[in-house]
């Protein structure tokens, strides 16, 4: 599992270098995409396990690259949300497509039944991993 994780991480790192997309920018775009392309900075900070003040620098960098824009909140007029632009969505999707293609290539070594079985087994292992350990 460690070797597979290392391989996928290496692919991700190469993709991000090829796309001139630093990992922290990709992570922020990914968090935004996971929130349907729009979020409050405090929500992004929570998703990324960062201090809310730290998210400002990330948003500023993405703003300069044209990947996000700040827009008034629809729920609180004192708040400003962050929204993915078409360029930001394209950058995120470009990275996701290459990573996804590699995952499909690797899992292509298995039949559909084997992939389903692997998924079931990994889900069972993950459920145990997520439970608190007994002392």
Protein backbone atom coordinates (compact mmCIF):
# COMPACT_ATOMS: atom_id res chain seq x y z
CA UNK A 1 0.00 0.00 0.00
CA UNK A 2 2.87 2.35 0.78
CA UNK A 3 4.44 1.74 -2.65
CA UNK A 4 1.13 2.39 -4.38
CA UNK A 5 0.60 5.57 -2.36
CA UNK A 6 4.14 6.73 -3.22
CA UNK A 7 3.54 6.04 -6.90
CA UNK A 8 0.29 8.00 -6.98
CA UNK A 9 1.88 10.85 -5.01
CA UNK A 10 4.76 10.94 -7.49
CA UNK A 11 2.33 11.11 -10.42
CA UNK A 12 0.45 13.95 -8.71
CA UNK A 13 3.68 15.86 -8.05
CA UNK A 14 4.80 15.51 -11.70
CA UNK A 15 1.40 16.63 -12.95
CA UNK A 16 1.44 19.70 -10.73
CA UNK A 17 4.95 20.63 -11.89
CA UNK A 18 3.91 20.16 -15.53
CA UNK A 19 0.89 22.39 -14.95
CA UNK A 20 2.91 24.97 -12.97
CA UNK A 21 0.49 24.49 -10.10
CA UNK A 22 2.01 24.42 -6.60
CA UNK A 23 0.55 21.72 -4.36
CA UNK A 24 -0.93 24.24 -1.92
CA UNK A 25 -2.74 26.00 -4.78
CA UNK A 26 -4.03 22.68 -6.10
CA UNK A 27 -5.23 21.72 -2.61
CA UNK A 28 -7.13 25.00 -2.33
CA UNK A 29 -8.69 24.59 -5.78
CA UNK A 30 -9.61 21.01 -4.85
CA UNK A 31 -11.29 22.16 -1.64
CA UNK A 32 -13.23 24.80 -3.57
CA UNK A 33 -14.27 22.29 -6.22
CA UNK A 34 -15.47 19.99 -3.46
CA UNK A 35 -17.78 22.79 -2.33
CA UNK A 36 -19.27 23.21 -5.81
CA UNK A 37 -16.84 25.98 -6.69
CA UNK A 38 -17.77 28.48 -4.00
CA UNK A 39 -17.01 28.81 -0.30
CA UNK A 40 -16.38 31.18 2.56
CA UNK A 41 -12.68 31.50 3.40
CA UNK A 42 -13.41 30.14 6.88
CA UNK A 43 -14.91 26.99 5.32
CA UNK A 44 -11.84 26.54 3.15
CA UNK A 45 -9.62 26.96 6.20
CA UNK A 46 -11.59 24.25 8.00
CA UNK A 47 -11.43 21.92 4.99
CA UNK A 48 -7.68 22.41 4.71
CA UNK A 49 -7.08 22.30 8.49
CA UNK A 50 -5.52 25.77 8.42
CA UNK A 51 -5.90 28.91 10.45
CA UNK A 52 -8.45 31.21 8.77
CA UNK A 53 -5.87 34.00 8.49
CA UNK A 54 -3.57 31.67 6.53
CA UNK A 55 -6.12 31.10 3.80
CA UNK A 56 -5.95 34.76 2.75
CA UNK A 57 -2.47 34.39 1.24
CA UNK A 58 -3.58 31.33 -0.72
CA UNK A 59 -6.66 33.07 -2.03
CA UNK A 60 -4.61 36.15 -2.95
CA UNK A 61 -2.18 34.01 -4.98
CA UNK A 62 -5.02 32.23 -6.77
CA UNK A 63 -6.71 35.57 -7.40
CA UNK A 64 -3.54 36.92 -9.07
CA UNK A 65 -3.46 33.87 -11.34
CA UNK A 66 -7.10 34.34 -12.29
CA UNK A 67 -8.13 31.02 -10.73
CA UNK A 68 -10.59 32.48 -8.21
CA UNK A 69 -12.55 35.65 -7.60
CA UNK A 70 -14.01 37.17 -4.48
CA UNK A 71 -17.76 37.71 -4.56
CA UNK A 72 -20.33 38.92 -2.04
CA UNK A 73 -21.89 36.19 0.05
CA UNK A 74 -25.48 35.29 -0.68
CA UNK A 75 -26.16 34.54 2.99
CA UNK A 76 -24.32 37.33 4.83
CA UNK A 77 -23.69 40.71 3.21
CA UNK A 78 -20.72 41.33 5.54
CA UNK A 79 -18.93 38.27 4.18
CA UNK A 80 -17.06 37.70 0.94
CA UNK A 81 -16.93 34.24 -0.62
CA UNK A 82 -14.31 32.74 -2.91
CA UNK A 83 -15.42 31.32 -6.24
CA UNK A 84 -13.58 29.26 -8.85
CA UNK A 85 -13.21 30.93 -12.23
CA UNK A 86 -13.24 28.98 -15.49
CA UNK A 87 -9.44 29.12 -15.50
CA UNK A 88 -9.30 27.77 -11.93
CA UNK A 89 -11.70 24.98 -12.74
CA UNK A 90 -9.69 24.12 -15.85
CA UNK A 91 -6.43 23.98 -13.85
CA UNK A 92 -8.02 21.75 -11.21
CA UNK A 93 -9.63 19.47 -13.81
CA UNK A 94 -6.38 19.20 -15.76
CA UNK A 95 -4.61 17.84 -12.70
CA UNK A 96 -7.52 15.57 -11.81
CA UNK A 97 -7.74 14.11 -15.32
CA UNK A 98 -4.11 13.02 -15.38
CA UNK A 99 -4.29 11.56 -11.88
CA UNK A 100 -7.56 9.83 -12.72
CA UNK A 101 -6.10 8.37 -15.90
CA UNK A 102 -3.25 6.84 -13.89
CA UNK A 103 -5.68 5.37 -11.35
CA UNK A 104 -7.72 3.88 -14.21
CA UNK A 105 -4.55 2.48 -15.77
CA UNK A 106 -3.56 0.79 -12.51
CA UNK A 107 -7.01 -0.54 -11.73
CA UNK A 108 -7.32 -1.75 -15.32
CA UNK A 109 -5.20 -4.70 -14.25
CA UNK A 110 -8.30 -5.97 -12.43
CA UNK A 111 -11.63 -7.18 -13.74
CA UNK A 112 -14.78 -5.29 -12.77
CA UNK A 113 -15.56 -7.99 -10.21
CA UNK A 114 -12.05 -7.79 -8.75
CA UNK A 115 -12.27 -3.97 -8.52
CA UNK A 116 -15.59 -4.24 -6.68
CA UNK A 117 -14.10 -6.86 -4.33
CA UNK A 118 -11.01 -4.68 -3.71
CA UNK A 119 -13.24 -1.70 -2.97
CA UNK A 120 -15.27 -3.73 -0.47
CA UNK A 121 -12.14 -5.03 1.25
CA UNK A 122 -10.53 -1.58 1.46
CA UNK A 123 -13.75 -0.11 2.85
CA UNK A 124 -13.74 -2.74 5.63
CA UNK A 125 -10.11 -2.00 6.48
CA UNK A 126 -10.78 1.75 6.47
CA UNK A 127 -13.71 1.36 8.85
CA UNK A 128 -11.41 -0.38 11.33
CA UNK A 129 -8.71 2.26 10.83
CA UNK A 130 -11.22 5.02 11.61
CA UNK A 131 -12.28 3.45 14.90
CA UNK A 132 -10.48 4.57 18.06
CA UNK A 133 -7.83 2.12 19.19
CA UNK A 134 -8.40 0.31 22.42
CA UNK A 135 -5.63 0.89 24.97
